[in-house]
Amino acid sequence: MDKAKVRLFVEGRLEAGGCITLNDRQAHYVTTVMRLGCGARLRLFNAAAGEWLGCIEDAGRGRCVMTIEAQCRRACAEPGPTLAFAPVKKDAIDFIVIKATELGAAALLPVWTRFTAVQRLNLERLRANAIEAAEQCGRLSVPTIAEPVPLAALVAGWATEQALLVFDRDRGGSLKAVIPNAAGRALPPPGLLTGPEGGLAPEELDVLEALPFVTAVAMGPRTLRADTAAIAALACWQAFAGDW
């Protein structure tokens, strides 16, 4: 069982003795890229079912049918913060999604801000990136990726019992003080909001800081790239209040 190193996220029910047909992308990866055939074992997972060992029963060009054998890990809660971020260019946003998945984000919320330069997102590609990162890093869940919304809509629909930490270079309190305090008072893990290249506009920060569920967090004297800031925020959360 321990030799099955390939992990695949599959939707739906997983149970011993069941049968599952991989989708075209997965079948190509298993049979063509990894060159696995009948009798090879893989790990199949999702958040609801946990992780299961599966054996390839039928494989060919563009197809792969597996029998589910035994459960390797039970389903369990994987609570994590919500990352709200301003979209950036393709390579950088792919990086954000992949690393946010590895760092335990539960949900990703793209947000249009005043200085956001990117106008379109390929959500299908981003979701595929999140699935691949979950397969590689060992988590059972895949973070949800929402349709992008304007910043005003984000805060208008925010659940006020969930803290929202807004990261900025110049405003806010120390990370060491703010994050543990937010973790201690919030029932769900908080949201983490980072801005675009150029940061959030002063008027956006003024509106945010007036909201009772928002706390500003200073990111230090150095100017960070937008993708660096998003991942740094998640890494700090994990270090101070997560499961590291």
Protein backbone atom coordinates (compact mmCIF):
# COMPACT_ATOMS: atom_id res chain seq x y z
CA MET A 1 0.00 0.00 0.00
CA ASP A 2 2.76 2.44 0.87
CA LYS A 3 4.28 2.12 -2.61
CA ALA A 4 1.28 3.87 -4.23
CA LYS A 5 2.77 7.35 -4.66
CA VAL A 6 0.42 8.83 -7.26
CA ARG A 7 -2.52 10.70 -5.69
CA LEU A 8 -5.57 11.79 -7.64
CA PHE A 9 -8.48 13.95 -6.58
CA VAL A 10 -11.75 12.35 -7.63
CA GLU A 11 -15.26 13.60 -6.99
CA GLY A 12 -18.05 11.39 -5.75
CA ARG A 13 -18.37 8.44 -3.43
CA LEU A 14 -15.42 6.21 -2.61
CA GLU A 15 -15.96 2.85 -0.89
CA ALA A 16 -14.30 -0.56 -0.78
CA GLY A 17 -15.24 -2.69 -3.78
CA GLY A 18 -16.47 0.26 -5.78
CA CYS A 19 -15.38 1.08 -9.32
CA ILE A 20 -14.39 4.45 -10.72
CA THR A 21 -13.50 5.64 -14.21
CA LEU A 22 -10.91 8.41 -14.32
CA ASN A 23 -11.58 11.45 -16.46
CA ASP A 24 -9.68 11.97 -19.72
CA ARG A 25 -6.99 14.19 -18.18
CA GLN A 26 -6.35 11.79 -15.33
CA ALA A 27 -6.37 8.75 -17.61
CA HIS A 28 -3.78 10.39 -19.87
CA TYR A 29 -1.61 11.29 -16.87
CA VAL A 30 -1.77 7.79 -15.38
CA THR A 31 -1.32 5.74 -18.55
CA THR A 32 0.82 8.01 -20.76
CA VAL A 33 2.79 10.27 -18.43
CA MET A 34 3.30 7.89 -15.51
CA ARG A 35 3.13 4.76 -17.72
CA LEU A 36 1.05 2.80 -15.24
CA GLY A 37 -0.97 -0.21 -16.31
CA CYS A 38 -3.25 -2.90 -14.95
CA GLY A 39 -2.41 -3.91 -11.40
CA ALA A 40 -0.77 -0.60 -10.48
CA ARG A 41 -2.06 1.10 -7.35
CA LEU A 42 -2.90 4.75 -6.82
CA ARG A 43 -4.36 6.82 -4.00
CA LEU A 44 -7.73 8.45 -4.63
CA PHE A 45 -9.11 11.16 -2.37
CA ASN A 46 -11.62 13.87 -1.68
CA ALA A 47 -12.63 15.81 1.41
CA ALA A 48 -15.85 13.88 2.04
CA ALA A 49 -14.53 10.34 1.53
CA GLY A 50 -10.94 10.60 2.74
CA GLU A 51 -8.15 8.78 0.91
CA TRP A 52 -8.44 5.31 -0.61
CA LEU A 53 -6.16 2.83 -2.33
CA GLY A 54 -7.25 1.98 -5.86
CA CYS A 55 -6.04 -0.64 -8.32
CA ILE A 56 -6.09 -0.22 -12.10
CA GLU A 57 -8.32 -2.90 -13.61
CA ASP A 58 -8.54 -1.70 -17.20
CA ALA A 59 -6.31 0.79 -18.96
CA GLY A 60 -5.76 1.86 -22.52
CA ARG A 61 -5.45 4.92 -24.69
CA GLY A 62 -7.56 7.60 -23.03
CA ARG A 63 -9.20 5.34 -20.47
CA CYS A 64 -8.48 4.06 -16.98
CA VAL A 65 -10.87 2.10 -14.78
CA MET A 66 -10.02 1.45 -11.14
CA THR A 67 -11.32 -0.74 -8.34
CA ILE A 68 -11.32 0.82 -4.88
CA GLU A 69 -9.67 -1.45 -2.33
CA ALA A 70 -9.21 0.06 1.14
CA GLN A 71 -9.24 3.35 3.00
CA CYS A 72 -5.83 4.88 3.78
CA ARG A 73 -6.98 8.03 5.62
CA ARG A 74 -10.30 8.95 7.08
CA ALA A 75 -11.99 12.18 6.11
CA CYS A 76 -11.22 14.97 8.54
CA ALA A 77 -11.75 18.70 8.84
CA GLU A 78 -9.02 20.84 7.30
CA PRO A 79 -9.85 24.35 8.52
CA GLY A 80 -7.83 27.12 6.99
CA PRO A 81 -7.99 30.84 6.30
CA THR A 82 -9.72 32.43 3.34
CA LEU A 83 -7.34 34.26 1.01
CA ALA A 84 -8.84 37.28 -0.73
CA PHE A 85 -6.42 38.72 -3.26
CA ALA A 86 -6.28 41.09 -6.20
CA PRO A 87 -5.71 39.18 -9.47
CA VAL A 88 -2.28 39.52 -11.06
CA LYS A 89 -0.69 38.32 -14.29
CA LYS A 90 -0.90 34.68 -15.36
CA ASP A 91 2.31 33.19 -13.95
CA ALA A 92 1.97 35.09 -10.67
CA ILE A 93 -1.66 34.13 -10.12
CA ASP A 94 -0.88 30.49 -10.89
CA PHE A 95 1.85 30.73 -8.24
CA ILE A 96 -0.61 32.21 -5.72
CA VAL A 97 -3.15 29.43 -6.26
CA ILE A 98 -0.59 26.62 -6.07
CA LYS A 99 1.20 27.92 -2.99
CA ALA A 100 -2.03 28.91 -1.23
CA THR A 101 -3.24 25.34 -1.67
CA GLU A 102 0.01 24.00 -0.22
CA LEU A 103 -0.25 26.43 2.70
CA GLY A 104 -3.73 25.29 3.68
CA ALA A 105 -6.04 28.02 2.39
CA ALA A 106 -9.65 26.84 2.53
CA ALA A 107 -10.98 29.29 -0.06
CA LEU A 108 -9.57 31.72 -2.61
CA LEU A 109 -11.49 34.90 -3.41
CA PRO A 110 -10.23 37.04 -6.33
CA VAL A 111 -11.11 40.70 -5.71
CA TRP A 112 -11.20 43.62 -8.14
CA THR A 113 -9.61 46.71 -6.59
CA ARG A 114 -8.86 50.20 -7.88
CA PHE A 115 -5.34 49.34 -9.00
CA THR A 116 -6.03 45.81 -10.27
CA ALA A 117 -4.53 45.62 -13.77
CA VAL A 118 -5.81 42.17 -14.79
CA GLN A 119 -9.35 42.18 -16.16
CA ARG A 120 -10.00 38.49 -16.88
CA LEU A 121 -9.38 35.23 -15.07
CA ASN A 122 -9.31 31.66 -16.35
CA LEU A 123 -11.04 30.04 -13.39
CA GLU A 124 -10.92 26.60 -14.98
CA ARG A 125 -7.12 26.77 -15.15
CA LEU A 126 -6.88 28.08 -11.61
CA ARG A 127 -9.07 25.29 -10.27
CA ALA A 128 -6.97 22.72 -12.13
CA ASN A 129 -3.87 24.22 -10.51
CA ALA A 130 -5.47 23.91 -7.08
CA ILE A 131 -6.37 20.26 -7.68
CA GLU A 132 -2.85 19.40 -8.84
CA ALA A 133 -1.34 21.17 -5.82
CA ALA A 134 -3.66 19.29 -3.45
CA GLU A 135 -2.66 16.01 -5.08
CA GLN A 136 1.02 16.78 -4.58
CA CYS A 137 0.95 18.24 -1.06
CA GLY A 138 -1.13 15.55 0.64
CA ARG A 139 -4.21 17.49 1.72
CA LEU A 140 -7.64 15.92 1.34
CA SER A 141 -9.57 19.05 0.43
CA VAL A 142 -9.20 21.37 -2.54
CA PRO A 143 -9.72 25.08 -1.85
CA THR A 144 -12.74 26.62 -3.50
CA ILE A 145 -12.05 29.40 -6.00
CA ALA A 146 -14.84 31.94 -6.29
CA GLU A 147 -15.83 34.18 -9.16
CA PRO A 148 -14.04 37.53 -8.81
CA VAL A 149 -16.01 40.35 -7.17
CA PRO A 150 -15.37 44.07 -6.57
CA LEU A 151 -13.90 44.93 -3.19
CA ALA A 152 -17.12 46.69 -2.16
CA ALA A 153 -19.13 43.53 -2.85
CA LEU A 154 -16.64 41.41 -0.92
CA VAL A 155 -16.98 43.41 2.30
CA ALA A 156 -20.74 43.90 1.87
CA GLY A 157 -21.23 40.13 1.81
CA TRP A 158 -18.63 39.29 4.44
CA ALA A 159 -19.79 37.27 7.45
CA THR A 160 -19.10 39.68 10.29
CA GLU A 161 -18.25 36.92 12.76
CA GLN A 162 -15.20 36.12 10.60
CA ALA A 163 -12.26 38.46 11.12
CA LEU A 164 -10.71 40.00 8.00
CA LEU A 165 -7.02 40.88 8.19
CA VAL A 166 -5.96 43.46 5.61
CA PHE A 167 -2.27 43.38 4.77
CA ASP A 168 -0.55 46.63 3.82
CA ARG A 169 3.02 47.88 3.96
CA ASP A 170 2.39 51.04 5.94
CA ARG A 171 -0.78 50.61 7.98
CA GLY A 172 -1.70 48.31 10.82
CA GLY A 173 -0.31 46.48 13.78
CA SER A 174 2.48 43.96 14.13
CA LEU A 175 1.96 40.51 12.63
CA LYS A 176 3.17 38.90 15.85
CA ALA A 177 0.40 40.59 17.81
CA VAL A 178 -2.46 40.72 15.32
CA ILE A 179 -2.55 37.15 13.98
CA PRO A 180 -2.58 35.23 17.30
CA ASN A 181 -5.19 37.65 18.64
CA ALA A 182 -7.41 37.17 15.58
CA ALA A 183 -7.01 33.40 15.78
CA GLY A 184 -8.03 33.40 19.41
CA ARG A 185 -11.27 35.34 18.95
CA ALA A 186 -12.48 34.06 15.58
CA LEU A 187 -14.56 30.90 15.36
CA PRO A 188 -13.80 30.36 11.68
CA PRO A 189 -10.22 31.08 10.62
CA PRO A 190 -9.99 34.68 9.42
CA GLY A 191 -9.86 36.07 5.95
CA LEU A 192 -6.56 37.47 4.68
CA LEU A 193 -6.78 40.30 2.13
CA THR A 194 -3.81 41.39 0.02
CA GLY A 195 -3.80 44.01 -2.69
CA PRO A 196 -2.54 44.31 -6.27
CA GLU A 197 0.77 45.65 -7.54
CA GLY A 198 0.79 49.16 -6.11
CA GLY A 199 -1.28 48.11 -3.12
CA LEU A 200 -4.77 49.04 -2.05
CA ALA A 201 -5.76 52.66 -2.65
CA PRO A 202 -5.78 54.94 0.43
CA GLU A 203 -9.54 55.41 0.14
CA GLU A 204 -10.02 51.63 -0.01
CA LEU A 205 -7.96 51.23 3.15
CA ASP A 206 -9.98 53.98 4.86
CA VAL A 207 -13.25 52.17 4.11
CA LEU A 208 -11.85 48.82 5.23
CA GLU A 209 -10.40 50.11 8.50
CA ALA A 210 -13.77 51.61 9.45
CA LEU A 211 -15.40 48.15 9.46
CA PRO A 212 -15.62 46.43 12.86
CA PHE A 213 -14.47 43.03 11.60
CA VAL A 214 -11.37 44.38 9.82
CA THR A 215 -7.89 44.63 11.31
CA ALA A 216 -5.00 46.13 9.36
CA VAL A 217 -1.68 44.30 9.45
CA ALA A 218 1.64 45.94 8.56
CA MET A 219 3.95 43.96 6.28
CA GLY A 220 7.16 45.82 7.04
CA PRO A 221 9.25 48.43 5.25
CA ARG A 222 9.99 46.47 2.07
CA THR A 223 7.78 46.66 -1.02
CA LEU A 224 6.57 43.15 -1.85
CA ARG A 225 5.27 41.82 -5.12
CA ALA A 226 1.54 41.07 -4.97
CA ASP A 227 2.10 37.32 -5.20
CA THR A 228 4.82 37.47 -2.53
CA ALA A 229 2.50 39.37 -0.19
CA ALA A 230 -0.31 36.83 -0.58
CA ILE A 231 1.94 33.87 0.17
CA ALA A 232 3.73 35.70 2.99
CA ALA A 233 0.38 36.41 4.63
CA LEU A 234 -0.57 32.73 4.52
CA ALA A 235 2.85 31.61 5.73
CA CYS A 236 2.63 34.00 8.69
CA TRP A 237 -0.81 32.67 9.53
CA GLN A 238 0.47 29.09 9.53
CA ALA A 239 3.52 30.01 11.61
CA PHE A 240 1.61 31.95 14.29
CA ALA A 241 -1.81 30.30 14.36
CA GLY A 242 -1.96 27.36 11.95
CA ASP A 243 -0.91 23.72 12.06
CA TRP A 244 2.85 24.11 11.68
